[in-house]
């Protein structure tokens, strides 16, 4: 089974699923199966962290580069909020991770929104970032939507 894991990962996953389905516990590749399950959880955290970075970057650009505001930025903010909220709805145990990852995501966001000087610490709260009514430093979205 180890060889299949290393040579054809997809075939290995199908074999493991079949073994689980048929409750053939003694034939499972437990060490690799455990590693892959743990990896799935890490992927969800990484996806949340990446979405958070993109969202915060666009909020920073929105606030600190008002002359460049455009529909694309607005749509990115909206889509990242929707995707983040969907990810949290599907994985509610990730909600406490938002506060933990905020500063890490903010550091990446600064790099994504390059061209300006930003505060050292994230100026937005978790609630602000997720709010569909929060557009920092602007009279909301009226000027873009016209």
Protein backbone atom coordinates (compact mmCIF):
# COMPACT_ATOMS: atom_id res chain seq x y z
CA UNK A 1 0.00 0.00 0.00
CA UNK A 2 2.90 2.38 0.77
CA UNK A 3 4.18 1.98 -2.77
CA UNK A 4 0.78 2.92 -4.23
CA UNK A 5 0.67 6.00 -1.99
CA UNK A 6 4.01 7.15 -3.39
CA UNK A 7 3.46 6.20 -7.05
CA UNK A 8 -0.23 6.91 -7.68
CA UNK A 9 -1.85 9.05 -5.01
CA UNK A 10 -5.26 9.12 -6.71
CA UNK A 11 -5.37 5.31 -6.95
CA UNK A 12 -4.33 5.15 -3.29
CA UNK A 13 -7.21 7.46 -2.27
CA UNK A 14 -9.72 5.36 -4.18
CA UNK A 15 -8.38 2.18 -2.61
CA UNK A 16 -8.58 3.69 0.89
CA UNK A 17 -12.15 4.89 0.29
CA UNK A 18 -13.15 1.44 -0.90
CA UNK A 19 -11.54 -0.22 2.11
CA UNK A 20 -13.34 2.18 4.45
CA UNK A 21 -16.63 1.68 2.63
CA UNK A 22 -16.33 -2.08 3.08
CA UNK A 23 -15.03 -1.78 6.65
CA UNK A 24 -11.81 -3.60 5.86
CA UNK A 25 -9.98 -1.92 8.71
CA UNK A 26 -6.95 -4.20 8.81
CA UNK A 27 -6.02 -3.38 5.19
CA UNK A 28 -6.04 0.41 5.58
CA UNK A 29 -2.81 2.37 5.19
CA UNK A 30 -3.35 4.04 8.57
CA UNK A 31 -0.18 6.10 8.86
CA UNK A 32 -0.69 7.80 5.48
CA UNK A 33 -4.44 8.03 5.97
CA UNK A 34 -3.96 9.87 9.28
CA UNK A 35 -1.43 12.21 7.67
CA UNK A 36 -3.80 13.02 4.80
CA UNK A 37 -6.75 13.70 7.10
CA UNK A 38 -4.62 16.08 9.17
CA UNK A 39 -3.48 17.72 5.94
CA UNK A 40 -7.11 18.36 4.93
CA UNK A 41 -7.63 20.37 8.11
CA UNK A 42 -4.48 22.37 7.46
CA UNK A 43 -5.70 23.12 3.94
CA UNK A 44 -8.91 24.63 5.29
CA UNK A 45 -6.92 26.89 7.62
CA UNK A 46 -4.62 27.91 4.76
CA UNK A 47 -7.59 28.69 2.52
CA UNK A 48 -9.10 30.88 5.22
CA UNK A 49 -5.77 32.64 5.79
CA UNK A 50 -5.34 33.28 2.04
CA UNK A 51 -8.89 34.60 1.57
CA UNK A 52 -8.42 36.80 4.63
CA UNK A 53 -5.18 38.26 3.17
CA UNK A 54 -6.84 39.10 -0.15
CA UNK A 55 -9.86 40.62 1.57
CA UNK A 56 -7.79 42.77 3.93
CA UNK A 57 -5.52 43.86 1.06
CA UNK A 58 -8.50 45.14 -0.89
CA UNK A 59 -9.92 46.88 2.18
CA UNK A 60 -6.57 48.62 2.63
CA UNK A 61 -6.46 49.63 -1.03
CA UNK A 62 -10.05 50.83 -0.78
CA UNK A 63 -9.24 53.01 2.20
CA UNK A 64 -5.76 54.27 1.32
CA UNK A 65 -6.03 54.54 -2.45
CA UNK A 66 -9.51 56.09 -2.91
CA UNK A 67 -8.60 57.64 -6.25
CA UNK A 68 -8.08 54.13 -7.68
CA UNK A 69 -11.32 52.59 -6.42
CA UNK A 70 -13.07 50.55 -9.04
CA UNK A 71 -15.71 47.89 -9.55
CA UNK A 72 -13.06 45.16 -9.60
CA UNK A 73 -11.91 46.01 -6.07
CA UNK A 74 -15.50 46.17 -4.89
CA UNK A 75 -16.27 42.77 -6.42
CA UNK A 76 -13.14 41.24 -4.91
CA UNK A 77 -14.13 42.50 -1.46
CA UNK A 78 -17.63 41.11 -1.86
CA UNK A 79 -16.53 37.74 -3.24
CA UNK A 80 -13.86 37.23 -0.58
CA UNK A 81 -16.39 38.04 2.14
CA UNK A 82 -18.92 35.60 0.68
CA UNK A 83 -16.31 32.87 0.25
CA UNK A 84 -14.96 33.43 3.77
CA UNK A 85 -18.43 33.25 5.29
CA UNK A 86 -19.21 30.09 3.30
CA UNK A 87 -15.94 28.50 4.45
CA UNK A 88 -16.80 29.39 8.05
CA UNK A 89 -20.34 28.03 7.68
CA UNK A 90 -18.92 24.74 6.42
CA UNK A 91 -16.18 24.73 9.08
CA UNK A 92 -17.50 26.57 12.15
CA UNK A 93 -14.57 25.41 14.29
CA UNK A 94 -12.38 27.78 12.23
CA UNK A 95 -14.15 30.89 13.61
CA UNK A 96 -11.79 31.27 16.59
CA UNK A 97 -8.87 31.04 14.15
CA UNK A 98 -9.89 34.36 12.54
CA UNK A 99 -8.57 36.44 15.42
CA UNK A 100 -5.45 34.27 15.69
CA UNK A 101 -4.61 34.65 12.00
CA UNK A 102 -5.57 38.32 11.64
CA UNK A 103 -2.06 39.75 12.05
CA UNK A 104 -0.46 37.09 9.81
CA UNK A 105 -3.03 37.75 7.10
CA UNK A 106 -2.52 41.49 7.55
CA UNK A 107 1.22 41.21 6.92
CA UNK A 108 0.51 39.40 3.64
CA UNK A 109 -2.21 41.91 2.82
CA UNK A 110 0.27 44.77 3.08
CA UNK A 111 2.44 43.07 0.48
CA UNK A 112 -0.55 42.47 -1.78
CA UNK A 113 -1.65 46.11 -1.50
CA UNK A 114 1.82 47.52 -2.03
CA UNK A 115 2.35 51.12 -2.92
CA UNK A 116 1.23 52.72 0.32
CA UNK A 117 2.35 52.92 3.93
CA UNK A 118 -0.03 51.12 6.23
CA UNK A 119 -0.39 50.90 10.02
CA UNK A 120 1.79 48.27 11.70
CA UNK A 121 -1.22 46.45 13.16
CA UNK A 122 -4.39 45.64 11.31
CA UNK A 123 -6.78 48.58 11.79
CA UNK A 124 -9.87 46.44 11.20
CA UNK A 125 -11.69 44.07 13.51
CA UNK A 126 -12.88 40.62 12.50
CA UNK A 127 -16.42 41.99 12.53
CA UNK A 128 -15.48 44.93 10.29
CA UNK A 129 -13.81 42.69 7.75
CA UNK A 130 -16.79 40.36 7.49
CA UNK A 131 -19.42 43.11 7.40
CA UNK A 132 -20.91 43.71 3.97
CA UNK A 133 -21.47 47.33 5.04
CA UNK A 134 -17.85 48.06 5.93
CA UNK A 135 -15.86 49.92 3.29
CA UNK A 136 -13.20 51.89 5.16
CA UNK A 137 -12.68 55.54 4.35
CA UNK A 138 -15.49 55.76 1.84
CA UNK A 139 -19.05 56.85 1.38
CA UNK A 140 -19.79 53.15 0.82
CA UNK A 141 -20.11 51.94 -2.73
CA UNK A 142 -22.44 54.50 -4.32
CA UNK A 143 -19.71 56.17 -6.39
CA UNK A 144 -18.55 52.85 -7.88
CA UNK A 145 -22.00 51.50 -8.63
CA UNK A 146 -23.04 54.50 -10.75
